[in-house]
Amino acid sequence: MSSRWSTLLMDSADLTRLPEVPLGEVANHAESIFDQRLGPMALYRRWETQQWEAESVPLAADREEFEALPPMIRDKIRELVNTFVVGEYTGLDLLGPILGGCPDEQNLIYLGTQVADESRHTVLLAKIAVDLLGMEPDLRSMLPLIWAEMTAAHRELSVVEADLIRELADKPSDYSRWVRAVTHFHLITEGVLALNAQRNLIKGLRHRQVLPGLQAGFIAMARDESRHVSYGMHALRQGLREGCHDEVMDVLEHCAPLAVHIEQRGTRETPHARRTARELTRELERRLVQLDLPRTSIDHVLTVAARPFTPPSAEPADG
């Protein structure tokens, strides 16, 4: 008699078994980890037991399946993968100041594991871009091409993140700047956007029963992401207790509309972009509730996030 799967088994499954994890377990895994409210050292210990090799993700068989998919499906997979190529590289590039500015030794130890994860994810996404999408194996030339395809909201959100990290790098001992950077990096980028996109990609692949190598890689990344976001929620709850409510709210007010409308191209949202906006709004609300923010603050952020996004090129000129 075979045993049923559980989130505990997902926690310990090796790379080759991850595509076998039931979709419900994958979808609910991060939330089950968030509910535990783990601290940095508990998350470090989870990291110790959840190692995997990016270069071992099997993609050779996926390439033939990928080419046989309908063009619209291939384009959607390519678009999602491209956003992760930029996102994982950016995460690796920007995490250093967050590690350097963290408030104590336990945070430092945990964040060292996340740097390792971001390196592994960057290697994996570059491998997917080459082996599955057929791009040239040169990350430096790959990134500008993908960046040019990003939506205006996505590019602006990335610029805001870089500015917050630059401000922290200038004053690494400024705790309020550290909280602001963590709000963007761990809450918005990872806790709202990355988790939602990972789940949607895995769900789509599982529905069609295709690309098991890509499934394995993204489920492994999602498992890592559950640790990253758990850490961010822990750090931000502490920041709120330390009096950084205004800093957290300021970043959320600026970034939530960009995140929610990240799929918008041009001045009008397509039906797909509206569906994504609704999903991301629900994801954002879950994270804000888990931060123990007052309901008035949550409702304010959601109201701001719902406002229409106007791309910079569409803004009327002065005069």
Protein backbone atom coordinates (compact mmCIF):
# COMPACT_ATOMS: atom_id res chain seq x y z
CA MET A 1 0.00 0.00 0.00
CA SER A 2 1.48 3.34 -1.05
CA SER A 3 1.55 6.19 1.41
CA ARG A 4 -0.13 9.49 0.67
CA TRP A 5 1.84 12.65 -0.01
CA SER A 6 2.00 15.49 2.49
CA THR A 7 3.82 18.78 2.75
CA LEU A 8 6.35 16.98 4.95
CA LEU A 9 7.15 14.66 2.04
CA MET A 10 7.39 17.63 -0.31
CA ASP A 11 9.89 19.13 2.10
CA SER A 12 12.15 16.09 1.78
CA ALA A 13 11.49 14.97 -1.82
CA ASP A 14 14.55 14.92 -4.05
CA LEU A 15 14.63 16.64 -7.43
CA THR A 16 13.48 13.62 -9.45
CA ARG A 17 10.39 13.08 -7.26
CA LEU A 18 9.16 16.68 -7.16
CA PRO A 19 7.00 16.37 -10.33
CA GLU A 20 5.07 13.61 -8.54
CA VAL A 21 3.97 15.85 -5.67
CA PRO A 22 0.19 16.45 -5.97
CA LEU A 23 -0.67 19.89 -7.24
CA GLY A 24 -2.62 20.75 -4.11
CA GLU A 25 0.45 20.08 -1.98
CA VAL A 26 2.56 22.34 -4.20
CA ALA A 27 -0.03 25.13 -4.13
CA ASN A 28 -0.49 25.01 -0.35
CA HIS A 29 3.09 24.32 0.69
CA ALA A 30 4.28 27.91 1.12
CA GLU A 31 1.22 28.90 3.14
CA SER A 32 1.76 25.93 5.48
CA ILE A 33 5.33 27.12 6.09
CA PHE A 34 4.26 30.74 6.62
CA ASP A 35 1.75 29.62 9.24
CA GLN A 36 4.61 28.17 11.32
CA ARG A 37 6.22 31.63 11.68
CA LEU A 38 9.75 30.25 11.69
CA GLY A 39 12.73 32.33 12.73
CA PRO A 40 16.08 32.64 10.92
CA MET A 41 17.79 29.63 12.51
CA ALA A 42 14.82 27.31 11.95
CA LEU A 43 14.82 28.41 8.30
CA TYR A 44 18.57 27.81 8.15
CA ARG A 45 18.02 24.24 9.34
CA ARG A 46 15.36 23.70 6.66
CA TRP A 47 17.85 24.93 4.06
CA GLU A 48 20.39 22.37 5.24
CA THR A 49 17.99 19.52 4.37
CA GLN A 50 16.67 20.88 1.04
CA GLN A 51 19.69 21.03 -1.23
CA TRP A 52 19.45 20.38 -4.98
CA GLU A 53 21.62 20.93 -8.06
CA ALA A 54 20.45 23.34 -10.74
CA GLU A 55 22.57 21.69 -13.40
CA SER A 56 20.96 18.31 -12.59
CA VAL A 57 17.47 19.45 -13.61
CA PRO A 58 16.65 17.18 -16.60
CA LEU A 59 15.56 19.30 -19.58
CA ALA A 60 16.71 17.28 -22.61
CA ALA A 61 13.38 15.46 -22.99
CA ASP A 62 11.44 18.66 -22.34
CA ARG A 63 12.75 20.38 -25.49
CA GLU A 64 10.87 18.08 -27.88
CA GLU A 65 7.66 18.40 -25.86
CA PHE A 66 8.07 22.17 -25.74
CA GLU A 67 8.38 22.45 -29.53
CA ALA A 68 5.20 20.37 -29.94
CA LEU A 69 3.08 22.68 -27.77
CA PRO A 70 0.68 25.19 -29.40
CA PRO A 71 2.46 28.48 -30.20
CA MET A 72 0.35 30.44 -27.71
CA ILE A 73 1.33 28.08 -24.88
CA ARG A 74 5.01 28.22 -25.89
CA ASP A 75 4.88 32.01 -25.91
CA LYS A 76 3.33 32.11 -22.43
CA ILE A 77 5.95 29.73 -21.02
CA ARG A 78 8.71 31.75 -22.69
CA GLU A 79 7.33 34.98 -21.21
CA LEU A 80 7.17 33.53 -17.70
CA VAL A 81 10.63 32.01 -17.91
CA ASN A 82 12.03 35.31 -19.18
CA THR A 83 10.64 37.21 -16.20
CA PHE A 84 12.34 34.71 -13.90
CA VAL A 85 15.66 34.98 -15.74
CA VAL A 86 15.70 38.71 -14.97
CA GLY A 87 14.15 38.28 -11.52
CA GLU A 88 16.59 35.66 -10.24
CA TYR A 89 19.62 37.48 -11.59
CA THR A 90 18.36 40.73 -10.06
CA GLY A 91 17.79 38.96 -6.75
CA LEU A 92 21.35 37.69 -6.74
CA ASP A 93 22.69 41.10 -7.73
CA LEU A 94 20.76 43.06 -5.08
CA LEU A 95 20.70 40.76 -2.06
CA GLY A 96 24.22 41.66 -0.88
CA PRO A 97 23.30 44.97 0.83
CA ILE A 98 20.36 43.29 2.60
CA LEU A 99 22.75 40.68 3.97
CA GLY A 100 25.31 43.35 4.88
CA GLY A 101 22.75 45.55 6.65
CA CYS A 102 20.91 42.85 8.58
CA PRO A 103 20.49 43.50 12.32
CA ASP A 104 22.16 40.48 13.97
CA GLU A 105 24.13 37.27 13.54
CA GLN A 106 21.16 34.92 13.16
CA ASN A 107 19.78 37.02 10.32
CA LEU A 108 23.23 37.03 8.73
CA ILE A 109 23.48 33.23 8.88
CA TYR A 110 20.07 32.76 7.29
CA LEU A 111 20.64 35.37 4.56
CA GLY A 112 23.86 33.59 3.60
CA THR A 113 21.70 30.63 2.59
CA GLN A 114 19.48 32.83 0.47
CA VAL A 115 22.49 34.17 -1.45
CA ALA A 116 23.36 30.55 -2.27
CA ASP A 117 19.77 29.92 -3.37
CA GLU A 118 19.74 32.98 -5.65
CA SER A 119 22.95 31.76 -7.32
CA ARG A 120 21.40 28.34 -7.87
CA HIS A 121 18.20 29.85 -9.28
CA THR A 122 20.16 32.09 -11.65
CA VAL A 123 22.07 29.07 -12.96
CA LEU A 124 18.82 27.12 -13.38
CA LEU A 125 17.03 29.89 -15.27
CA ALA A 126 19.99 30.39 -17.59
CA LYS A 127 20.00 26.64 -18.23
CA ILE A 128 16.25 26.68 -19.00
CA ALA A 129 16.69 29.64 -21.35
CA VAL A 130 19.36 27.78 -23.28
CA ASP A 131 18.20 24.15 -23.15
CA LEU A 132 14.46 24.75 -23.47
CA LEU A 133 14.03 28.12 -25.18
CA GLY A 134 17.08 27.87 -27.44
CA MET A 135 18.72 31.13 -26.37
CA GLU A 136 22.44 31.74 -26.69
CA PRO A 137 24.40 30.60 -23.59
CA ASP A 138 25.60 34.06 -22.62
CA LEU A 139 23.84 35.53 -19.60
CA ARG A 140 25.28 39.00 -20.14
CA SER A 141 23.82 39.29 -23.64
CA MET A 142 20.62 37.44 -22.69
CA LEU A 143 19.54 39.85 -19.94
CA PRO A 144 19.20 43.09 -21.98
CA LEU A 145 17.14 41.29 -24.63
CA ILE A 146 14.73 39.97 -22.02
CA TRP A 147 14.63 43.31 -20.17
CA ALA A 148 13.43 45.03 -23.34
CA GLU A 149 10.38 42.73 -23.38
CA MET A 150 9.32 43.47 -19.79
CA THR A 151 6.18 45.50 -19.15
CA ALA A 152 6.49 49.12 -18.05
CA ALA A 153 5.23 48.27 -14.56
CA HIS A 154 7.77 45.45 -14.23
CA ARG A 155 10.65 47.68 -15.28
CA GLU A 156 9.57 50.48 -12.94
CA LEU A 157 9.21 48.04 -10.05
CA SER A 158 12.75 46.79 -10.69
CA VAL A 159 14.09 50.35 -10.77
CA VAL A 160 12.41 51.14 -7.43
CA GLU A 161 13.96 48.01 -5.93
CA ALA A 162 17.41 48.98 -7.16
CA ASP A 163 16.99 52.47 -5.69
CA LEU A 164 16.00 51.06 -2.29
CA ILE A 165 18.98 48.72 -2.30
CA ARG A 166 21.32 51.54 -3.34
CA GLU A 167 20.07 53.69 -0.46
CA LEU A 168 20.70 50.82 1.95
CA ALA A 169 24.18 50.23 0.54
CA ASP A 170 25.00 53.88 1.23
CA LYS A 171 23.96 53.52 4.90
CA PRO A 172 24.03 49.81 5.79
CA SER A 173 23.50 50.44 9.52
CA ASP A 174 20.21 52.32 8.93
CA TYR A 175 17.61 49.81 10.11
CA SER A 176 14.69 51.71 8.59
CA ARG A 177 16.32 51.52 5.16
CA TRP A 178 16.88 47.80 5.68
CA VAL A 179 13.18 47.29 6.48
CA ARG A 180 12.21 49.21 3.35
CA ALA A 181 14.47 47.04 1.20
CA VAL A 182 13.13 43.82 2.76
CA THR A 183 9.55 45.00 2.16
CA HIS A 184 10.21 45.24 -1.56
CA PHE A 185 12.56 42.28 -1.95
CA HIS A 186 10.94 39.64 0.26
CA LEU A 187 7.32 40.75 0.37
CA ILE A 188 6.52 42.28 -3.03
CA THR A 189 8.99 40.58 -5.37
CA GLU A 190 9.11 37.14 -3.75
CA GLY A 191 6.01 36.90 -1.57
CA VAL A 192 3.55 38.25 -4.12
CA LEU A 193 4.99 38.07 -7.63
CA ALA A 194 7.37 35.11 -7.61
CA LEU A 195 5.16 32.73 -5.66
CA ASN A 196 2.13 33.52 -7.80
CA ALA A 197 4.00 33.07 -11.08
CA GLN A 198 5.63 29.82 -9.94
CA ARG A 199 2.30 28.34 -8.91
CA ASN A 200 0.64 29.34 -12.18
CA LEU A 201 3.41 27.86 -14.30
CA ILE A 202 3.43 24.59 -12.35
CA LYS A 203 -0.37 24.41 -12.48
CA GLY A 204 -0.39 24.94 -16.26
CA LEU A 205 2.29 22.32 -16.89
CA ARG A 206 0.62 19.81 -14.59
CA HIS A 207 -2.75 20.35 -16.28
CA ARG A 208 -1.21 19.48 -19.65
CA GLN A 209 1.06 16.80 -18.14
CA VAL A 210 4.11 18.16 -19.97
CA LEU A 211 7.68 19.29 -19.29
CA PRO A 212 8.52 17.32 -16.13
CA GLY A 213 12.03 18.78 -16.00
CA LEU A 214 10.69 22.33 -15.98
CA GLN A 215 8.18 21.28 -13.33
CA ALA A 216 10.93 19.84 -11.14
CA GLY A 217 13.02 23.00 -11.39
CA PHE A 218 10.16 25.34 -10.58
CA ILE A 219 8.85 23.24 -7.71
CA ALA A 220 12.35 23.20 -6.24
CA MET A 221 12.52 26.98 -6.59
CA ALA A 222 9.08 27.36 -5.01
CA ARG A 223 10.23 25.27 -2.05
CA ASP A 224 13.21 27.60 -1.64
CA GLU A 225 10.91 30.59 -2.03
CA SER A 226 8.82 29.42 0.92
CA ARG A 227 11.91 29.89 3.12
CA HIS A 228 12.75 33.28 1.63
CA VAL A 229 9.27 34.70 2.10
CA SER A 230 8.97 33.15 5.58
CA TYR A 231 12.15 34.98 6.51
CA GLY A 232 10.87 38.25 5.07
CA MET A 233 7.61 37.97 6.99
CA HIS A 234 9.54 37.30 10.21
CA ALA A 235 11.86 40.27 9.58
CA LEU A 236 9.01 42.63 8.75
CA ARG A 237 6.91 41.62 11.75
CA GLN A 238 9.96 42.45 13.85
CA GLY A 239 10.38 45.74 11.97
CA LEU A 240 6.77 46.66 12.65
CA ARG A 241 7.27 45.92 16.35
CA GLU A 242 10.34 48.18 16.24
CA GLY A 243 8.24 51.11 14.96
CA CYS A 244 8.79 50.87 11.18
CA HIS A 245 5.12 50.87 10.19
CA ASP A 246 5.49 54.04 8.09
CA GLU A 247 8.51 52.65 6.23
CA VAL A 248 6.67 49.45 5.35
CA MET A 249 3.55 51.34 4.29
CA ASP A 250 5.50 53.79 2.15
CA VAL A 251 7.03 50.98 0.09
CA LEU A 252 3.71 49.16 -0.17
CA GLU A 253 1.86 52.29 -1.32
CA HIS A 254 4.43 52.86 -4.07
CA CYS A 255 4.97 49.27 -5.17
CA ALA A 256 1.63 47.50 -4.70
CA PRO A 257 0.01 49.14 -7.78
CA LEU A 258 3.03 48.24 -9.92
CA ALA A 259 2.97 44.64 -8.71
CA VAL A 260 -0.78 44.16 -9.13
CA HIS A 261 -0.74 45.61 -12.68
CA ILE A 262 2.53 43.99 -13.71
CA GLU A 263 0.97 42.21 -16.71
CA GLN A 264 -0.51 45.40 -18.17
CA ARG A 265 0.87 46.39 -21.57
CA GLY A 266 -0.07 49.84 -22.79
CA THR A 267 -2.81 51.93 -21.20
CA ARG A 268 -5.54 49.27 -21.09
CA GLU A 269 -5.54 45.90 -19.34
CA THR A 270 -6.35 42.78 -21.31
CA PRO A 271 -8.67 40.15 -19.78
CA HIS A 272 -5.54 38.14 -18.88
CA ALA A 273 -3.97 41.16 -17.16
CA ARG A 274 -7.19 41.78 -15.20
CA ARG A 275 -7.31 38.15 -14.05
CA THR A 276 -3.68 38.36 -12.99
CA ALA A 277 -4.38 41.61 -11.13
CA ARG A 278 -7.15 39.91 -9.16
CA GLU A 279 -4.88 36.97 -8.30
CA LEU A 280 -2.05 39.24 -7.22
CA THR A 281 -4.39 41.36 -5.12
CA ARG A 282 -5.48 38.24 -3.23
CA GLU A 283 -1.85 37.19 -2.82
CA LEU A 284 -0.96 40.66 -1.53
CA GLU A 285 -3.82 40.62 0.97
CA ARG A 286 -2.69 37.23 2.33
CA ARG A 287 0.81 38.56 2.92
CA LEU A 288 -0.45 41.72 4.64
CA VAL A 289 -2.69 39.70 6.96
CA GLN A 290 0.27 37.46 7.82
CA LEU A 291 2.25 40.58 8.75
CA ASP A 292 -0.38 41.32 11.43
CA LEU A 293 -0.96 44.77 9.96
CA PRO A 294 -4.06 46.59 11.20
CA ARG A 295 -7.07 46.03 8.96
CA THR A 296 -7.21 49.76 8.21
CA SER A 297 -3.65 49.60 6.84
CA ILE A 298 -4.43 46.51 4.77
CA ASP A 299 -7.53 48.10 3.26
CA HIS A 300 -5.58 51.26 2.46
CA VAL A 301 -2.89 49.32 0.57
CA LEU A 302 -5.49 47.34 -1.35
CA THR A 303 -7.31 50.53 -2.31
CA VAL A 304 -4.10 52.10 -3.58
CA ALA A 305 -3.18 48.89 -5.43
CA ALA A 306 -6.50 48.91 -7.28
CA ARG A 307 -5.89 52.29 -8.86
CA PRO A 308 -5.31 52.21 -12.63
CA PHE A 309 -1.68 52.08 -13.66
CA THR A 310 -0.54 54.65 -16.20
CA PRO A 311 2.70 53.70 -17.99
CA PRO A 312 5.24 56.56 -18.01
CA SER A 313 5.08 56.91 -21.81
CA ALA A 314 1.31 57.38 -21.59
CA GLU A 315 1.45 60.26 -19.11
CA PRO A 316 0.45 63.64 -20.59
CA ALA A 317 3.31 66.03 -21.20
CA ASP A 318 3.55 69.20 -19.06
CA GLY A 319 2.04 72.28 -20.61
